[in-house]
């Protein structure tokens, strides 16, 4: 499941931007990373199985203040759901290896004639 993660990072210059991108692409599962936004203060990471919280923590430790802006799923194909058929299959329980008997009577519990309650 591919996800697009956008993190807002406070960066002071091109050196911080370069360091932030190196940290982002260093994580496992990252396919691409780029700077977005008007002042290039957001990092957009696209990948499969990328931990957004771990990436945000790494950027906080090594670059500066970082805030997780959004996490969205991209490129997910919608599965075609097959309508369930109106006819339900019949499941026959097995009785001694053969077909069930058509005339199955419930077993009556033993009733003691000397019981005063019944």
C-alpha atoms as a PDB file:
ATOM      1  CA  UNK A   1       0.000   0.000   0.000  1.00  0.00           C
ATOM      2  CA  UNK A   2       1.685   3.168  -1.210  1.00  0.00           C
ATOM      3  CA  UNK A   3       1.389   6.259   0.890  1.00  0.00           C
ATOM      4  CA  UNK A   4       2.207   9.911   0.443  1.00  0.00           C
ATOM      5  CA  UNK A   5       3.538  11.593   3.578  1.00  0.00           C
ATOM      6  CA  UNK A   6       3.887  15.380   3.849  1.00  0.00           C
ATOM      7  CA  UNK A   7       6.005  16.761   6.704  1.00  0.00           C
ATOM      8  CA  UNK A   8       6.483  20.443   7.477  1.00  0.00           C
ATOM      9  CA  UNK A   9      10.103  21.078   8.499  1.00  0.00           C
ATOM     10  CA  UNK A  10      11.701  24.319   9.649  1.00  0.00           C
ATOM     11  CA  UNK A  11      14.825  24.595   7.464  1.00  0.00           C
ATOM     12  CA  UNK A  12      17.290  27.476   7.614  1.00  0.00           C
ATOM     13  CA  UNK A  13      19.032  27.049   4.293  1.00  0.00           C
ATOM     14  CA  UNK A  14      19.979  24.787   1.397  1.00  0.00           C
ATOM     15  CA  UNK A  15      22.251  22.715   3.611  1.00  0.00           C
ATOM     16  CA  UNK A  16      19.334  21.815   5.911  1.00  0.00           C
ATOM     17  CA  UNK A  17      17.165  21.003   2.894  1.00  0.00           C
ATOM     18  CA  UNK A  18      19.808  18.657   1.541  1.00  0.00           C
ATOM     19  CA  UNK A  19      20.213  16.960   4.920  1.00  0.00           C
ATOM     20  CA  UNK A  20      16.443  16.539   5.295  1.00  0.00           C
ATOM     21  CA  UNK A  21      16.162  14.915   1.862  1.00  0.00           C
ATOM     22  CA  UNK A  22      19.058  12.553   2.652  1.00  0.00           C
ATOM     23  CA  UNK A  23      17.338  11.480   5.867  1.00  0.00           C
ATOM     24  CA  UNK A  24      14.030  10.945   4.030  1.00  0.00           C
ATOM     25  CA  UNK A  25      15.468   8.783   1.256  1.00  0.00           C
ATOM     26  CA  UNK A  26      17.551   6.826   3.769  1.00  0.00           C
ATOM     27  CA  UNK A  27      14.523   5.121   5.285  1.00  0.00           C
ATOM     28  CA  UNK A  28      13.470   1.722   3.990  1.00  0.00           C
ATOM     29  CA  UNK A  29      10.472   1.695   1.656  1.00  0.00           C
ATOM     30  CA  UNK A  30      10.918   5.257   0.366  1.00  0.00           C
ATOM     31  CA  UNK A  31      10.515   5.505  -3.403  1.00  0.00           C
ATOM     32  CA  UNK A  32      10.783   9.281  -3.844  1.00  0.00           C
ATOM     33  CA  UNK A  33      11.188  12.438  -1.803  1.00  0.00           C
ATOM     34  CA  UNK A  34      10.893  16.064  -2.872  1.00  0.00           C
ATOM     35  CA  UNK A  35      10.524  19.544  -1.441  1.00  0.00           C
ATOM     36  CA  UNK A  36       7.138  21.157  -1.978  1.00  0.00           C
ATOM     37  CA  UNK A  37       5.396  24.324  -0.928  1.00  0.00           C
ATOM     38  CA  UNK A  38       5.933  27.956  -1.702  1.00  0.00           C
ATOM     39  CA  UNK A  39       9.009  28.288   0.497  1.00  0.00           C
ATOM     40  CA  UNK A  40      10.144  24.636   0.100  1.00  0.00           C
ATOM     41  CA  UNK A  41       9.402  23.946   3.752  1.00  0.00           C
ATOM     42  CA  UNK A  42       7.434  20.727   3.188  1.00  0.00           C
ATOM     43  CA  UNK A  43       8.948  17.331   2.378  1.00  0.00           C
ATOM     44  CA  UNK A  44       6.744  14.980   0.366  1.00  0.00           C
ATOM     45  CA  UNK A  45       7.723  11.314   0.669  1.00  0.00           C
ATOM     46  CA  UNK A  46       6.127   8.543  -1.395  1.00  0.00           C
ATOM     47  CA  UNK A  47       6.750   4.929  -0.495  1.00  0.00           C
ATOM     48  CA  UNK A  48       5.479   1.576   0.595  1.00  0.00           C
ATOM     49  CA  UNK A  49       5.519   0.784   4.308  1.00  0.00           C
ATOM     50  CA  UNK A  50       7.205   4.024   5.393  1.00  0.00           C
ATOM     51  CA  UNK A  51       6.768   4.848   9.085  1.00  0.00           C
ATOM     52  CA  UNK A  52       5.649   8.490   9.159  1.00  0.00           C
ATOM     53  CA  UNK A  53       6.233   8.928  12.888  1.00  0.00           C
ATOM     54  CA  UNK A  54       9.774   7.541  12.675  1.00  0.00           C
ATOM     55  CA  UNK A  55      10.587   9.867   9.768  1.00  0.00           C
ATOM     56  CA  UNK A  56       9.201  12.876  11.640  1.00  0.00           C
ATOM     57  CA  UNK A  57      11.235  12.006  14.741  1.00  0.00           C
ATOM     58  CA  UNK A  58      14.435  11.646  12.706  1.00  0.00           C
ATOM     59  CA  UNK A  59      13.898  15.015  11.050  1.00  0.00           C
ATOM     60  CA  UNK A  60      13.262  16.628  14.442  1.00  0.00           C
ATOM     61  CA  UNK A  61      16.478  15.217  15.878  1.00  0.00           C
ATOM     62  CA  UNK A  62      18.770  16.003  12.952  1.00  0.00           C
ATOM     63  CA  UNK A  63      17.300  19.027  11.144  1.00  0.00           C
ATOM     64  CA  UNK A  64      14.919  21.046  13.286  1.00  0.00           C
ATOM     65  CA  UNK A  65      11.269  21.374  14.141  1.00  0.00           C
ATOM     66  CA  UNK A  66       9.166  18.913  12.116  1.00  0.00           C
ATOM     67  CA  UNK A  67       5.402  18.482  12.046  1.00  0.00           C
ATOM     68  CA  UNK A  68       3.487  15.693  10.323  1.00  0.00           C
ATOM     69  CA  UNK A  69       1.096  17.466   7.942  1.00  0.00           C
ATOM     70  CA  UNK A  70      -0.698  14.588   6.182  1.00  0.00           C
ATOM     71  CA  UNK A  71      -0.590  10.900   5.307  1.00  0.00           C
ATOM     72  CA  UNK A  72      -2.646   9.705   2.330  1.00  0.00           C
ATOM     73  CA  UNK A  73      -2.912   6.480   0.361  1.00  0.00           C
ATOM     74  CA  UNK A  74      -2.065   6.777  -3.339  1.00  0.00           C
ATOM     75  CA  UNK A  75      -2.349   4.409  -6.269  1.00  0.00           C
ATOM     76  CA  UNK A  76      -4.749   2.012  -4.605  1.00  0.00           C
ATOM     77  CA  UNK A  77      -6.810   0.088  -7.112  1.00  0.00           C
ATOM     78  CA  UNK A  78     -10.439  -0.383  -6.303  1.00  0.00           C
ATOM     79  CA  UNK A  79     -11.345  -4.021  -6.293  1.00  0.00           C
ATOM     80  CA  UNK A  80     -14.370  -5.071  -8.280  1.00  0.00           C
ATOM     81  CA  UNK A  81     -16.745  -6.640  -5.843  1.00  0.00           C
ATOM     82  CA  UNK A  82     -18.642  -9.559  -7.260  1.00  0.00           C
ATOM     83  CA  UNK A  83     -22.280  -9.590  -6.273  1.00  0.00           C
ATOM     84  CA  UNK A  84     -23.171 -12.549  -4.138  1.00  0.00           C
ATOM     85  CA  UNK A  85     -25.265 -15.082  -5.941  1.00  0.00           C
ATOM     86  CA  UNK A  86     -28.906 -15.363  -4.946  1.00  0.00           C
ATOM     87  CA  UNK A  87     -28.717 -19.160  -4.814  1.00  0.00           C
ATOM     88  CA  UNK A  88     -27.002 -20.396  -1.688  1.00  0.00           C
ATOM     89  CA  UNK A  89     -25.166 -23.720  -1.843  1.00  0.00           C
ATOM     90  CA  UNK A  90     -26.617 -26.619   0.134  1.00  0.00           C
ATOM     91  CA  UNK A  91     -24.315 -28.231   2.647  1.00  0.00           C
ATOM     92  CA  UNK A  92     -25.245 -31.740   3.689  1.00  0.00           C
ATOM     93  CA  UNK A  93     -23.965 -32.901   7.056  1.00  0.00           C
ATOM     94  CA  UNK A  94     -22.326 -36.304   7.030  1.00  0.00           C
ATOM     95  CA  UNK A  95     -24.053 -39.128   8.907  1.00  0.00           C
ATOM     96  CA  UNK A  96     -21.851 -42.183   8.964  1.00  0.00           C
ATOM     97  CA  UNK A  97     -20.450 -41.606   5.509  1.00  0.00           C
ATOM     98  CA  UNK A  98     -23.743 -41.524   3.617  1.00  0.00           C
ATOM     99  CA  UNK A  99     -26.550 -39.180   2.713  1.00  0.00           C
ATOM    100  CA  UNK A 100     -28.717 -37.924   5.575  1.00  0.00           C
ATOM    101  CA  UNK A 101     -32.009 -39.587   6.161  1.00  0.00           C
ATOM    102  CA  UNK A 102     -35.041 -37.670   5.016  1.00  0.00           C
ATOM    103  CA  UNK A 103     -37.110 -38.624   8.063  1.00  0.00           C
ATOM    104  CA  UNK A 104     -35.085 -37.565  11.091  1.00  0.00           C
ATOM    105  CA  UNK A 105     -37.151 -37.356  14.241  1.00  0.00           C
ATOM    106  CA  UNK A 106     -35.973 -35.496  17.325  1.00  0.00           C
ATOM    107  CA  UNK A 107     -35.034 -37.678  20.257  1.00  0.00           C
ATOM    108  CA  UNK A 108     -37.554 -37.371  23.091  1.00  0.00           C
ATOM    109  CA  UNK A 109     -36.026 -37.121  26.551  1.00  0.00           C
ATOM    110  CA  UNK A 110     -36.879 -39.919  28.938  1.00  0.00           C
ATOM    111  CA  UNK A 111     -39.840 -39.039  31.118  1.00  0.00           C
ATOM    112  CA  UNK A 112     -40.226 -40.969  34.335  1.00  0.00           C
ATOM    113  CA  UNK A 113     -43.952 -41.664  34.897  1.00  0.00           C
ATOM    114  CA  UNK A 114     -43.457 -41.475  38.641  1.00  0.00           C
ATOM    115  CA  UNK A 115     -42.396 -37.809  38.524  1.00  0.00           C
ATOM    116  CA  UNK A 116     -45.043 -35.604  40.106  1.00  0.00           C
ATOM    117  CA  UNK A 117     -43.958 -32.399  38.369  1.00  0.00           C
ATOM    118  CA  UNK A 118     -44.558 -33.579  34.841  1.00  0.00           C
END
